[in-house]
Every structure is written in structure tokens, then in C-alpha cells.
């Protein structure tokens, strides 16, 4: 399928400075009309552009838990 239905990116923003992270985010936003992006990042600028966040937390030693946040729902809840 062209374009691919999704694109997986792993820490591609790690070597970028803030200006280039902004350019990267704009490119991803533009391309996300046609492709779903799944990315792994620790960069706050990249994370802020996401519509949905998933993470792993460890509340107690040895027990991992997946945390999922729908950004639009969280914003709606905060505004209510």
C-alpha cells in the first residue's frame, strides 16, 4: 500500500535541536493526514504534538503497567 497505513519511528528526534524538533513535528502533522505515526520519544516537544499517549510505569518493583491517555478527552475533562 502506498502510502503505508502507518509508520513506526523510534527516537528519531533524539539527535535534533529544538528548532529541528519543531520542523520534524510540523512534517509529522502534515503527513499524518495520510499516514498514522507511532513513535517512541522522550522529547517533550514531540510528545506534545501527539493525540494519544501510551507509556509504561512501574508503581511497585517488578510490576509494569501500561498507561494510556487520549489527549482530546483529557483536555475536554480539564475544561469541564
Protein backbone atom coordinates (compact mmCIF):
# COMPACT_ATOMS: atom_id res chain seq x y z
CA UNK A 1 0.00 0.00 0.00
CA UNK A 2 1.35 3.40 -0.90
CA UNK A 3 1.42 5.35 1.29
CA UNK A 4 1.89 2.89 4.11
CA UNK A 5 -1.03 2.90 6.61
CA UNK A 6 1.36 3.52 9.49
CA UNK A 7 4.95 4.49 10.19
CA UNK A 8 6.88 3.42 13.30
CA UNK A 9 9.58 5.81 14.49
CA UNK A 10 11.95 5.06 17.37
CA UNK A 11 13.77 8.02 18.93
CA UNK A 12 14.36 9.68 15.54
CA UNK A 13 14.11 13.07 17.24
CA UNK A 14 16.86 12.33 19.80
CA UNK A 15 19.74 13.99 17.92
CA UNK A 16 17.69 17.06 16.92
CA UNK A 17 17.92 20.50 18.50
CA UNK A 18 14.72 22.38 19.44
CA UNK A 19 14.38 24.14 16.09
CA UNK A 20 14.65 20.89 14.17
CA UNK A 21 12.26 19.11 16.56
CA UNK A 22 9.74 21.81 15.62
CA UNK A 23 10.34 21.16 11.92
CA UNK A 24 10.05 17.40 12.50
CA UNK A 25 6.74 17.88 14.34
CA UNK A 26 5.33 20.04 11.53
CA UNK A 27 6.32 17.40 8.97
CA UNK A 28 4.67 14.63 11.00
CA UNK A 29 1.48 16.72 11.43
CA UNK A 30 1.36 17.37 7.68
CA UNK A 31 1.94 13.73 6.77
CA UNK A 32 -0.48 12.39 9.41
CA UNK A 33 -3.39 13.19 7.09
CA UNK A 34 -2.37 10.11 5.10
CA UNK A 35 -0.27 8.00 7.48
CA UNK A 36 -0.70 7.04 11.14
CA UNK A 37 2.51 7.64 13.10
CA UNK A 38 3.55 5.52 16.04
CA UNK A 39 6.64 6.92 17.67
CA UNK A 40 8.81 6.33 20.70
CA UNK A 41 10.21 9.53 22.15
CA UNK A 42 11.49 11.16 25.31
CA UNK A 43 11.45 14.62 23.73
CA UNK A 44 8.73 16.81 25.28
CA UNK A 45 8.29 18.81 22.07
CA UNK A 46 7.50 15.66 20.11
CA UNK A 47 5.30 14.22 22.86
CA UNK A 48 3.23 17.44 23.00
CA UNK A 49 2.09 17.02 19.39
CA UNK A 50 0.62 13.55 20.00
CA UNK A 51 -3.13 12.91 20.01
CA UNK A 52 -2.77 9.77 22.12
CA UNK A 53 -0.06 8.80 24.60
CA UNK A 54 0.88 5.38 25.87
CA UNK A 55 3.53 4.68 28.43
CA UNK A 56 4.77 2.09 30.86
CA UNK A 57 5.02 2.76 34.57
CA UNK A 58 6.18 0.67 37.49
CA UNK A 59 4.24 1.52 40.67
CA UNK A 60 5.83 -1.33 42.56
CA UNK A 61 9.09 -3.14 41.84
CA UNK A 62 8.75 -5.79 39.15
CA UNK A 63 5.16 -4.90 38.17
CA UNK A 64 4.82 -2.91 34.94
CA UNK A 65 1.57 -1.24 33.96
CA UNK A 66 0.56 0.34 30.65
CA UNK A 67 -0.88 3.85 30.91
CA UNK A 68 -2.92 5.29 28.05
CA UNK A 69 -4.12 8.89 27.64
CA UNK A 70 -6.45 10.26 24.96
CA UNK A 71 -5.31 13.89 24.78
CA UNK A 72 -8.59 15.23 23.37
CA UNK A 73 -10.59 13.52 26.14
CA UNK A 74 -8.17 14.79 28.78
CA UNK A 75 -8.49 18.37 27.51
CA UNK A 76 -12.30 18.08 27.47
CA UNK A 77 -12.25 16.76 31.03
CA UNK A 78 -9.96 19.58 32.18
CA UNK A 79 -12.23 22.21 30.59
CA UNK A 80 -15.38 20.80 32.22
